[in-house]
Amino acid sequence: MNRPWANHALAQELDTALAAVREAGLLCRSVQGLIDPGTLEKEDKSPVTVADFGSQALICRALGEAFPEDPVIGEEDSADLRQAGHESTLEQVVGHVRVQRPEADTDEVCRWIDRGGAKDYSPRFWTLDPIDGTKGFLRKMQYAISLALIVEGQIEVAALGCPNLGTELMGDRGAGTVLLAIRGAGVWQVPLTEKGDPAAVKASGQGDATQIRFCESVESAHSSHSDSARIADKLAIVAEPARLDSQTKYAVVARGEAEAYLRLPRDNKYKEKIWDHAGGVLVVLEAGGRVTDINGKDLDFTQGYTLKNNLGVIVSNGLVHDDLLKTIKNLGVGQF
């Protein structure tokens, strides 16, 4: 594979991130392929639980082997898996991990998962969301695997795996997609499950706010759809929003298939988690876009596992960002 980043100081970090996300993507695809929507109970999240833990185990194993001193701020730990009554889930997690890592035993898999247990800021750390978009995963729709390296508060490396995103948003998922970025060096996409040379991606060049397309969460609980509609009406936007789960929305903006992603706060109490954004943020920035909170402040990744100094997240191609921020302010969005 051609590697445009081969001579970069962080080439090993990006190579490791890509290999780890690909392993995790294969595991997630395998687990998702076993879901039968006709028999899956509404509240049964066992498939995504298995994939979540398995994905974190594989990625943290890779990071621990390559960069043993680096903490990982992740979403899961193995405590629940080890509880009585969860033996079947743990067995399934280990079984799926062994497809990629045949040597793994139960204790080892749990130790790999627990490498993602850091919560506090440090000068250099990784942040991981092993499956972003739980309901999208269960619906066999979009979800993401997001991994990012943060050094001195700056996102330096990102690998955003989108197993169900093909080369086009509305096309077949094909081999899936991984978007890769190094700060200041660019962003590329490669197939997730197949070999293929990296292709550079670029955000949309649309500067007319009336002609843009939003991405927003499928679930209104994650972002205020009513506020999104008010913003669209104020800007006279005619295109229907693209509703999809997970950080795949960042990938869609980075690739120029939409111009904005609005994660608008429903109250001032919830604080965004860094693993829900870090990988996607760098991908969009390196594609020429812009990411801030609703007040125009850059996202602050020096506060541990939350973005407690920010309110909401606004992602755009850069050209329409000021229009969005102005409209949000004029409408009083986020003024609680």
Protein backbone atom coordinates (compact mmCIF):
# COMPACT_ATOMS: atom_id res chain seq x y z
CA MET A 1 0.00 0.00 0.00
CA ASN A 2 1.18 3.49 -0.85
CA ARG A 3 1.67 5.46 2.41
CA PRO A 4 1.78 9.24 1.84
CA TRP A 5 2.60 9.71 5.53
CA ALA A 6 5.56 7.28 5.51
CA ASN A 7 8.18 9.92 6.33
CA HIS A 8 6.15 11.72 8.97
CA ALA A 9 7.35 11.62 12.59
CA LEU A 10 4.01 10.04 13.59
CA ALA A 11 3.94 7.43 10.81
CA GLN A 12 4.20 4.55 13.29
CA GLU A 13 1.29 5.91 15.28
CA LEU A 14 -0.91 6.16 12.20
CA ASP A 15 0.12 2.73 10.93
CA THR A 16 -0.67 1.21 14.31
CA ALA A 17 -4.01 2.99 14.49
CA LEU A 18 -4.99 1.83 11.01
CA ALA A 19 -4.08 -1.80 11.66
CA ALA A 20 -5.92 -1.78 15.00
CA VAL A 21 -9.09 -0.18 13.63
CA ARG A 22 -9.11 -2.64 10.74
CA GLU A 23 -8.91 -5.60 13.14
CA ALA A 24 -11.70 -4.12 15.23
CA GLY A 25 -13.77 -3.43 12.12
CA LEU A 26 -13.55 -7.04 11.03
CA LEU A 27 -14.72 -8.16 14.47
CA CYS A 28 -17.61 -5.68 14.46
CA ARG A 29 -18.72 -6.70 10.99
CA SER A 30 -18.68 -10.34 12.04
CA VAL A 31 -20.78 -9.68 15.14
CA GLN A 32 -23.22 -7.44 13.27
CA GLY A 33 -23.62 -10.05 10.57
CA LEU A 34 -25.05 -12.45 13.16
CA ILE A 35 -27.86 -10.08 14.16
CA ASP A 36 -31.32 -11.19 13.08
CA PRO A 37 -33.52 -8.08 13.28
CA GLY A 38 -36.60 -10.28 13.22
CA THR A 39 -35.74 -11.97 16.50
CA LEU A 40 -33.68 -9.31 18.27
CA GLU A 41 -35.66 -7.94 21.18
CA LYS A 42 -35.96 -4.16 21.38
CA GLU A 43 -33.97 -3.92 24.60
CA ASP A 44 -31.46 -6.64 23.72
CA LYS A 45 -28.12 -4.93 23.25
CA SER A 46 -26.03 -8.07 23.64
CA PRO A 47 -24.59 -8.01 20.09
CA VAL A 48 -23.32 -4.45 20.40
CA THR A 49 -22.01 -5.24 23.89
CA VAL A 50 -19.94 -8.11 22.49
CA ALA A 51 -18.65 -5.96 19.63
CA ASP A 52 -17.93 -3.02 21.92
CA PHE A 53 -15.74 -5.02 24.29
CA GLY A 54 -14.12 -7.01 21.51
CA SER A 55 -13.27 -3.88 19.54
CA GLN A 56 -11.74 -2.21 22.59
CA ALA A 57 -9.73 -5.32 23.43
CA LEU A 58 -8.16 -5.55 19.98
CA ILE A 59 -7.34 -1.85 19.72
CA CYS A 60 -5.93 -1.56 23.23
CA ARG A 61 -3.82 -4.69 22.64
CA ALA A 62 -2.27 -3.05 19.58
CA LEU A 63 -1.64 0.24 21.38
CA GLY A 64 -0.18 -1.51 24.41
CA GLU A 65 2.24 -3.46 22.27
CA ALA A 66 3.41 -0.48 20.20
CA PHE A 67 3.21 2.28 22.81
CA PRO A 68 3.19 0.70 26.28
CA GLU A 69 3.57 4.04 28.08
CA ASP A 70 0.56 5.69 26.44
CA PRO A 71 -2.67 5.86 28.48
CA VAL A 72 -5.95 5.18 26.69
CA ILE A 73 -9.15 7.02 27.61
CA GLY A 74 -11.81 4.58 26.45
CA GLU A 75 -15.45 3.89 27.11
CA GLU A 76 -15.39 0.40 28.60
CA ASP A 77 -13.83 -1.69 31.36
CA SER A 78 -14.14 -5.40 32.02
CA ALA A 79 -15.79 -5.20 35.45
CA ASP A 80 -19.29 -5.91 34.12
CA LEU A 81 -18.03 -8.77 31.96
CA ARG A 82 -16.48 -10.45 34.98
CA GLN A 83 -19.68 -10.35 37.04
CA ALA A 84 -21.65 -13.50 37.72
CA GLY A 85 -24.32 -14.04 35.12
CA HIS A 86 -22.30 -12.50 32.30
CA GLU A 87 -20.25 -15.60 31.53
CA SER A 88 -21.90 -16.12 28.15
CA THR A 89 -21.17 -12.56 27.01
CA LEU A 90 -17.55 -12.81 28.11
CA GLU A 91 -17.20 -16.12 26.29
CA GLN A 92 -18.57 -14.55 23.11
CA VAL A 93 -16.20 -11.57 23.39
CA VAL A 94 -13.20 -13.83 23.80
CA GLY A 95 -14.34 -16.05 20.93
CA HIS A 96 -14.61 -13.13 18.52
CA VAL A 97 -11.26 -11.69 19.64
CA ARG A 98 -9.62 -15.07 19.03
CA VAL A 99 -10.61 -14.92 15.37
CA GLN A 100 -8.11 -12.08 15.07
CA ARG A 101 -5.80 -13.08 17.92
CA PRO A 102 -5.94 -16.89 18.39
CA GLU A 103 -3.50 -16.79 21.31
CA ALA A 104 -5.81 -14.70 23.52
CA ASP A 105 -7.18 -16.13 26.76
CA THR A 106 -9.95 -14.73 28.92
CA ASP A 107 -7.77 -12.92 31.45
CA GLU A 108 -5.68 -11.43 28.67
CA VAL A 109 -8.73 -10.11 26.83
CA CYS A 110 -9.97 -8.47 30.03
CA ARG A 111 -6.55 -6.88 30.60
CA TRP A 112 -6.58 -5.50 27.07
CA ILE A 113 -10.04 -4.00 27.63
CA ASP A 114 -8.89 -2.42 30.89
CA ARG A 115 -6.01 -0.64 29.17
CA GLY A 116 -8.73 1.77 28.05
CA GLY A 117 -9.61 2.74 31.60
CA ALA A 118 -7.78 6.07 31.92
CA LYS A 119 -9.99 9.08 32.70
CA ASP A 120 -7.59 11.96 33.32
CA TYR A 121 -5.71 14.22 30.95
CA SER A 122 -2.03 13.54 30.35
CA PRO A 123 0.50 15.13 27.96
CA ARG A 124 0.16 12.22 25.53
CA PHE A 125 -2.77 9.80 25.41
CA TRP A 126 -5.14 8.01 23.06
CA THR A 127 -8.91 8.22 23.18
CA LEU A 128 -11.10 5.43 21.85
CA ASP A 129 -14.75 4.81 21.11
CA PRO A 130 -14.82 1.11 20.18
CA ILE A 131 -18.35 1.42 18.76
CA ASP A 132 -19.88 4.84 18.31
CA GLY A 133 -23.54 4.56 17.34
CA THR A 134 -25.06 1.71 19.34
CA LYS A 135 -28.49 1.91 17.73
CA GLY A 136 -27.01 2.23 14.26
CA PHE A 137 -25.04 -0.94 14.87
CA LEU A 138 -28.15 -2.80 16.01
CA ARG A 139 -30.12 -1.52 13.01
CA LYS A 140 -27.29 -2.69 10.73
CA MET A 141 -26.80 0.89 9.65
CA GLN A 142 -23.99 3.37 10.31
CA TYR A 143 -21.62 3.17 13.25
CA ALA A 144 -17.98 4.09 13.73
CA ILE A 145 -14.78 3.04 15.46
CA SER A 146 -12.93 6.17 16.50
CA LEU A 147 -9.31 6.33 17.65
CA ALA A 148 -7.23 9.47 18.17
CA LEU A 149 -3.86 10.42 19.64
CA ILE A 150 -3.77 13.66 21.65
CA VAL A 151 -0.45 15.31 22.48
CA GLU A 152 -0.30 18.47 24.61
CA GLY A 153 -4.01 19.01 24.03
CA GLN A 154 -3.77 18.76 20.23
CA ILE A 155 -5.28 15.92 18.22
CA GLU A 156 -2.29 14.65 16.25
CA VAL A 157 -3.44 11.37 14.69
CA ALA A 158 -6.87 9.95 13.90
CA ALA A 159 -8.27 6.75 12.46
CA LEU A 160 -12.02 6.83 11.95
CA GLY A 161 -13.37 3.45 10.89
CA CYS A 162 -16.80 3.38 9.25
CA PRO A 163 -17.51 -0.32 8.50
CA ASN A 164 -20.84 0.33 6.75
CA LEU A 165 -19.79 3.42 4.78
CA GLY A 166 -18.85 2.73 1.19
CA THR A 167 -17.18 5.07 -1.26
CA GLU A 168 -20.48 6.99 -1.47
CA LEU A 169 -22.87 7.78 1.35
CA MET A 170 -25.92 6.27 -0.36
CA GLY A 171 -24.01 3.44 -2.04
CA ASP A 172 -23.26 -0.10 -0.99
CA ARG A 173 -21.01 -0.47 2.04
CA GLY A 174 -18.52 -2.49 0.03
CA ALA A 175 -15.29 -2.92 1.95
CA GLY A 176 -16.14 -0.15 4.38
CA THR A 177 -13.97 2.91 4.92
CA VAL A 178 -11.28 4.17 7.27
CA LEU A 179 -10.42 7.86 7.25
CA LEU A 180 -6.88 8.64 8.40
CA ALA A 181 -5.40 11.97 9.41
CA ILE A 182 -2.21 13.50 10.79
CA ARG A 183 -2.37 17.09 11.97
CA GLY A 184 -0.95 19.38 9.32
CA ALA A 185 -0.22 16.53 6.91
CA GLY A 186 -3.60 15.67 5.40
CA VAL A 187 -6.46 13.19 5.44
CA TRP A 188 -7.00 10.08 3.36
CA GLN A 189 -9.51 7.27 3.06
CA VAL A 190 -8.72 3.59 2.55
CA PRO A 191 -10.89 0.46 2.46
CA LEU A 192 -11.47 -1.11 5.85
CA THR A 193 -11.56 -4.80 4.91
CA GLU A 194 -9.49 -4.80 1.72
CA LYS A 195 -6.16 -3.51 0.53
CA GLY A 196 -6.18 -0.23 -1.37
CA ASP A 197 -4.11 2.89 -1.76
CA PRO A 198 -5.07 5.97 0.25
CA ALA A 199 -7.15 8.60 -1.54
CA ALA A 200 -7.14 12.19 -0.35
CA VAL A 201 -10.50 13.64 0.66
CA LYS A 202 -11.65 17.23 0.78
CA ALA A 203 -14.58 19.07 2.30
CA SER A 204 -17.24 20.66 0.10
CA GLY A 205 -16.50 23.98 -1.57
CA GLN A 206 -20.11 25.16 -1.17
CA GLY A 207 -20.11 28.63 0.38
CA ASP A 208 -23.79 29.49 -0.11
CA ALA A 209 -25.47 28.60 3.18
CA THR A 210 -28.86 28.21 1.48
CA GLN A 211 -27.49 25.33 -0.58
CA ILE A 212 -25.91 23.26 2.15
CA ARG A 213 -26.95 19.91 3.57
CA PHE A 214 -26.92 19.10 7.28
CA CYS A 215 -25.99 15.84 8.92
CA GLU A 216 -27.67 15.18 12.22
CA SER A 217 -28.18 12.32 14.63
CA VAL A 218 -30.95 9.81 13.99
CA GLU A 219 -31.88 10.01 17.67
CA SER A 220 -33.27 13.38 18.77
CA ALA A 221 -32.04 12.60 22.27
CA HIS A 222 -28.48 13.18 21.03
CA SER A 223 -29.11 16.60 19.51
CA SER A 224 -31.99 19.03 19.28
CA HIS A 225 -33.74 18.34 15.97
CA SER A 226 -36.17 21.21 16.58
CA ASP A 227 -33.29 23.68 16.82
CA SER A 228 -31.74 22.23 13.66
CA ALA A 229 -35.03 22.82 11.85
CA ARG A 230 -35.16 26.42 13.09
CA ILE A 231 -31.62 27.02 11.84
CA ALA A 232 -32.40 25.48 8.46
CA ASP A 233 -35.53 27.64 8.16
CA LYS A 234 -33.64 30.81 9.10
CA LEU A 235 -30.94 30.11 6.51
CA ALA A 236 -33.55 29.10 3.89
CA ILE A 237 -31.93 25.69 3.46
CA VAL A 238 -34.03 23.49 1.20
CA ALA A 239 -32.19 20.16 1.38
CA GLU A 240 -33.47 17.58 3.84
CA PRO A 241 -30.95 16.68 6.56
CA ALA A 242 -29.03 13.45 6.26
CA ARG A 243 -29.76 11.53 9.45
CA LEU A 244 -27.23 8.89 10.38
CA ASP A 245 -25.65 7.56 13.52
CA SER A 246 -22.17 8.03 14.93
CA GLN A 247 -19.03 9.88 13.91
CA THR A 248 -19.73 8.72 10.38
CA LYS A 249 -21.28 12.20 10.13
CA TYR A 250 -17.77 13.65 10.45
CA ALA A 251 -16.63 11.40 7.61
CA VAL A 252 -19.51 12.58 5.42
CA VAL A 253 -18.62 16.25 6.00
CA ALA A 254 -14.91 15.56 5.41
CA ARG A 255 -15.71 13.86 2.09
CA GLY A 256 -17.87 16.76 0.91
CA GLU A 257 -21.17 14.83 0.94
CA ALA A 258 -22.64 17.32 3.41
CA GLU A 259 -21.54 20.75 4.56
CA ALA A 260 -22.44 20.70 8.25
CA TYR A 261 -23.08 18.50 11.25
CA LEU A 262 -24.87 20.11 14.16
CA ARG A 263 -24.80 18.54 17.61
CA LEU A 264 -26.93 21.06 19.40
CA PRO A 265 -27.27 20.93 23.18
CA ARG A 266 -30.62 20.04 24.69
CA ASP A 267 -29.55 21.45 28.06
CA ASN A 268 -26.44 22.91 29.68
CA LYS A 269 -25.83 19.92 31.95
CA TYR A 270 -24.64 17.25 29.53
CA LYS A 271 -20.95 17.38 28.70
CA GLU A 272 -19.76 15.76 25.50
CA LYS A 273 -17.29 12.89 25.81
CA ILE A 274 -13.98 13.28 24.01
CA TRP A 275 -14.16 9.82 22.43
CA ASP A 276 -17.36 10.84 20.65
CA HIS A 277 -15.54 13.55 18.71
CA ALA A 278 -11.73 13.45 18.69
CA GLY A 279 -11.23 11.14 15.71
CA GLY A 280 -13.83 12.92 13.62
CA VAL A 281 -12.59 16.39 14.50
CA LEU A 282 -9.11 15.88 13.05
CA VAL A 283 -10.49 14.21 9.93
CA VAL A 284 -12.69 17.25 9.20
CA LEU A 285 -9.99 19.80 10.03
CA GLU A 286 -7.49 18.15 7.73
CA ALA A 287 -10.11 18.04 4.96
CA GLY A 288 -10.34 21.83 5.15
CA GLY A 289 -13.33 22.08 7.46
CA ARG A 290 -13.83 23.69 10.84
CA VAL A 291 -15.05 22.43 14.22
CA THR A 292 -16.08 24.55 17.22
CA ASP A 293 -18.72 24.58 19.92
CA ILE A 294 -21.90 26.64 19.44
CA ASN A 295 -20.08 29.71 20.78
CA GLY A 296 -17.27 29.47 18.24
CA LYS A 297 -14.72 28.12 20.73
CA ASP A 298 -12.31 25.38 19.67
CA LEU A 299 -12.94 22.08 21.42
CA ASP A 300 -10.77 21.70 24.51
CA PHE A 301 -9.18 18.26 24.85
CA THR A 302 -7.25 19.07 28.03
CA GLN A 303 -10.10 18.38 30.47
CA GLY A 304 -9.93 14.63 30.90
CA TYR A 305 -12.66 12.53 29.33
CA THR A 306 -15.22 15.31 28.79
CA LEU A 307 -15.39 18.52 26.80
CA LYS A 308 -16.54 20.35 29.91
CA ASN A 309 -15.36 23.73 28.63
CA ASN A 310 -17.55 23.48 25.52
CA LEU A 311 -21.26 23.50 24.74
CA GLY A 312 -22.46 21.53 21.74
CA VAL A 313 -20.42 20.86 18.60
CA ILE A 314 -20.66 22.55 15.20
CA VAL A 315 -18.87 20.89 12.27
CA SER A 316 -18.71 22.42 8.81
CA ASN A 317 -16.81 22.67 5.57
CA GLY A 318 -15.42 25.93 6.97
CA LEU A 319 -16.99 28.19 4.37
CA VAL A 320 -20.41 28.35 6.03
CA HIS A 321 -19.24 28.10 9.64
CA ASP A 322 -19.63 31.78 10.51
CA ASP A 323 -23.14 31.81 9.00
CA LEU A 324 -24.07 28.86 11.19
CA LEU A 325 -22.63 30.40 14.36
CA LYS A 326 -24.35 33.73 13.68
CA THR A 327 -27.70 32.04 13.11
CA ILE A 328 -27.33 29.91 16.23
CA LYS A 329 -26.62 33.03 18.29
CA ASN A 330 -29.46 35.04 16.76
CA LEU A 331 -31.95 32.24 17.45
CA GLY A 332 -30.78 31.86 21.04
CA VAL A 333 -29.88 28.19 20.62
CA GLY A 334 -28.09 26.93 23.71
CA GLN A 335 -29.27 29.83 25.87
CA PHE A 336 -30.66 27.93 28.84
